[in-house]
């Protein structure tokens, strides 16, 4: 399995299953959390964009890593108070 994870063609063939079985249910969970918790934790940001990116950045792959992640995460944060605070970049498809 690990060897196939380094093959971009193998990954592309399985992207539809990944979206249906992992990413979309995870998006639904995140949206549900946002809906249910927004009133209780005012001021926090519940992002839905960039959740569950399957592919790793090309520089990680160039270092010998797999083409896709073997984990998925979700972070709820308070927005930056000023524009100079570092925010994580959005996930880019295909990167």
C-alpha atoms as a PDB file:
ATOM      1  CA  UNK A   1       0.000   0.000   0.000  1.00  0.00           C
ATOM      2  CA  UNK A   2       2.707   2.504   0.924  1.00  0.00           C
ATOM      3  CA  UNK A   3       4.360   2.156  -2.471  1.00  0.00           C
ATOM      4  CA  UNK A   4       1.084   2.937  -4.221  1.00  0.00           C
ATOM      5  CA  UNK A   5       0.656   6.091  -2.151  1.00  0.00           C
ATOM      6  CA  UNK A   6       3.672   7.537  -3.943  1.00  0.00           C
ATOM      7  CA  UNK A   7       2.016   6.977  -7.321  1.00  0.00           C
ATOM      8  CA  UNK A   8      -0.015  10.060  -8.302  1.00  0.00           C
ATOM      9  CA  UNK A   9      -1.992   8.055 -10.873  1.00  0.00           C
ATOM     10  CA  UNK A  10      -3.136   5.589  -8.178  1.00  0.00           C
ATOM     11  CA  UNK A  11      -4.162   8.509  -5.996  1.00  0.00           C
ATOM     12  CA  UNK A  12      -6.097  10.266  -8.762  1.00  0.00           C
ATOM     13  CA  UNK A  13      -8.081   7.082  -9.497  1.00  0.00           C
ATOM     14  CA  UNK A  14      -9.168   6.882  -5.862  1.00  0.00           C
ATOM     15  CA  UNK A  15      -9.947  10.558  -5.300  1.00  0.00           C
ATOM     16  CA  UNK A  16     -13.706  10.050  -5.840  1.00  0.00           C
ATOM     17  CA  UNK A  17     -13.836   7.368  -3.132  1.00  0.00           C
ATOM     18  CA  UNK A  18     -11.748   9.544  -0.811  1.00  0.00           C
ATOM     19  CA  UNK A  19     -14.130  12.477  -1.312  1.00  0.00           C
ATOM     20  CA  UNK A  20     -17.228  10.332  -0.734  1.00  0.00           C
ATOM     21  CA  UNK A  21     -16.015   8.178   2.144  1.00  0.00           C
ATOM     22  CA  UNK A  22     -13.731  10.506   4.101  1.00  0.00           C
ATOM     23  CA  UNK A  23     -13.766  14.174   3.112  1.00  0.00           C
ATOM     24  CA  UNK A  24     -17.516  14.807   2.695  1.00  0.00           C
ATOM     25  CA  UNK A  25     -18.491  13.128   6.000  1.00  0.00           C
ATOM     26  CA  UNK A  26     -15.733  15.100   7.722  1.00  0.00           C
ATOM     27  CA  UNK A  27     -17.067  18.337   6.180  1.00  0.00           C
ATOM     28  CA  UNK A  28     -20.546  17.453   7.453  1.00  0.00           C
ATOM     29  CA  UNK A  29     -19.134  16.916  10.955  1.00  0.00           C
ATOM     30  CA  UNK A  30     -17.298  20.263  10.862  1.00  0.00           C
ATOM     31  CA  UNK A  31     -20.407  22.067   9.609  1.00  0.00           C
ATOM     32  CA  UNK A  32     -22.469  20.472  12.378  1.00  0.00           C
ATOM     33  CA  UNK A  33     -19.923  21.592  14.987  1.00  0.00           C
ATOM     34  CA  UNK A  34     -19.991  25.110  13.574  1.00  0.00           C
ATOM     35  CA  UNK A  35     -23.780  25.197  13.688  1.00  0.00           C
ATOM     36  CA  UNK A  36     -24.062  23.821  17.229  1.00  0.00           C
ATOM     37  CA  UNK A  37     -21.126  25.622  18.873  1.00  0.00           C
ATOM     38  CA  UNK A  38     -21.063  29.099  17.325  1.00  0.00           C
ATOM     39  CA  UNK A  39     -23.353  30.585  19.981  1.00  0.00           C
ATOM     40  CA  UNK A  40     -21.379  29.009  22.839  1.00  0.00           C
ATOM     41  CA  UNK A  41     -17.888  29.935  21.675  1.00  0.00           C
ATOM     42  CA  UNK A  42     -18.363  33.388  20.234  1.00  0.00           C
ATOM     43  CA  UNK A  43     -15.439  34.830  18.373  1.00  0.00           C
ATOM     44  CA  UNK A  44     -14.096  31.511  17.109  1.00  0.00           C
ATOM     45  CA  UNK A  45     -13.775  30.663  13.440  1.00  0.00           C
ATOM     46  CA  UNK A  46     -15.051  27.311  12.160  1.00  0.00           C
ATOM     47  CA  UNK A  47     -13.527  27.010   8.684  1.00  0.00           C
ATOM     48  CA  UNK A  48     -14.952  24.691   6.059  1.00  0.00           C
ATOM     49  CA  UNK A  49     -12.570  25.581   3.248  1.00  0.00           C
ATOM     50  CA  UNK A  50      -9.506  23.394   2.899  1.00  0.00           C
ATOM     51  CA  UNK A  51     -10.719  20.542   5.067  1.00  0.00           C
ATOM     52  CA  UNK A  52      -9.348  17.157   4.276  1.00  0.00           C
ATOM     53  CA  UNK A  53      -6.847  17.917   1.552  1.00  0.00           C
ATOM     54  CA  UNK A  54      -5.773  14.535   0.293  1.00  0.00           C
ATOM     55  CA  UNK A  55      -2.510  15.518  -1.357  1.00  0.00           C
ATOM     56  CA  UNK A  56       0.640  16.689   0.362  1.00  0.00           C
ATOM     57  CA  UNK A  57       2.572  19.633  -0.968  1.00  0.00           C
ATOM     58  CA  UNK A  58       4.955  18.785  -3.805  1.00  0.00           C
ATOM     59  CA  UNK A  59       8.021  19.645  -1.728  1.00  0.00           C
ATOM     60  CA  UNK A  60       7.063  16.945   0.816  1.00  0.00           C
ATOM     61  CA  UNK A  61       6.634  14.431  -1.996  1.00  0.00           C
ATOM     62  CA  UNK A  62       9.991  15.479  -3.495  1.00  0.00           C
ATOM     63  CA  UNK A  63      11.575  14.608  -0.140  1.00  0.00           C
ATOM     64  CA  UNK A  64      10.398  11.026  -0.607  1.00  0.00           C
ATOM     65  CA  UNK A  65       7.046  11.177   1.148  1.00  0.00           C
ATOM     66  CA  UNK A  66       3.723   9.777   0.032  1.00  0.00           C
ATOM     67  CA  UNK A  67       1.504  11.820  -2.275  1.00  0.00           C
ATOM     68  CA  UNK A  68      -1.366  11.891   0.188  1.00  0.00           C
ATOM     69  CA  UNK A  69      -1.803  12.363   3.885  1.00  0.00           C
ATOM     70  CA  UNK A  70      -2.605   9.484   6.191  1.00  0.00           C
ATOM     71  CA  UNK A  71      -4.410  11.754   8.633  1.00  0.00           C
ATOM     72  CA  UNK A  72      -7.112  14.408   8.644  1.00  0.00           C
ATOM     73  CA  UNK A  73      -7.533  17.292  11.065  1.00  0.00           C
ATOM     74  CA  UNK A  74      -9.725  20.249  11.890  1.00  0.00           C
ATOM     75  CA  UNK A  75      -8.754  23.396  13.769  1.00  0.00           C
ATOM     76  CA  UNK A  76     -11.144  25.892  15.329  1.00  0.00           C
ATOM     77  CA  UNK A  77      -9.414  29.210  16.016  1.00  0.00           C
ATOM     78  CA  UNK A  78      -9.964  32.751  17.064  1.00  0.00           C
ATOM     79  CA  UNK A  79      -9.352  35.133  14.166  1.00  0.00           C
ATOM     80  CA  UNK A  80      -6.176  37.210  14.287  1.00  0.00           C
ATOM     81  CA  UNK A  81      -6.526  40.532  16.013  1.00  0.00           C
ATOM     82  CA  UNK A  82      -4.348  42.228  13.419  1.00  0.00           C
ATOM     83  CA  UNK A  83      -3.268  41.518   9.879  1.00  0.00           C
ATOM     84  CA  UNK A  84       0.328  40.842  10.863  1.00  0.00           C
ATOM     85  CA  UNK A  85      -0.398  37.713  12.893  1.00  0.00           C
ATOM     86  CA  UNK A  86       0.403  34.542  11.025  1.00  0.00           C
ATOM     87  CA  UNK A  87      -2.584  32.538   9.807  1.00  0.00           C
ATOM     88  CA  UNK A  88      -2.284  29.091   8.226  1.00  0.00           C
ATOM     89  CA  UNK A  89      -2.548  29.143   4.430  1.00  0.00           C
ATOM     90  CA  UNK A  90      -5.604  27.563   2.784  1.00  0.00           C
ATOM     91  CA  UNK A  91      -5.148  24.081   1.416  1.00  0.00           C
ATOM     92  CA  UNK A  92      -4.576  23.978  -2.338  1.00  0.00           C
ATOM     93  CA  UNK A  93      -5.997  21.135  -4.434  1.00  0.00           C
ATOM     94  CA  UNK A  94      -3.388  19.254  -6.371  1.00  0.00           C
ATOM     95  CA  UNK A  95      -0.452  20.645  -4.392  1.00  0.00           C
END
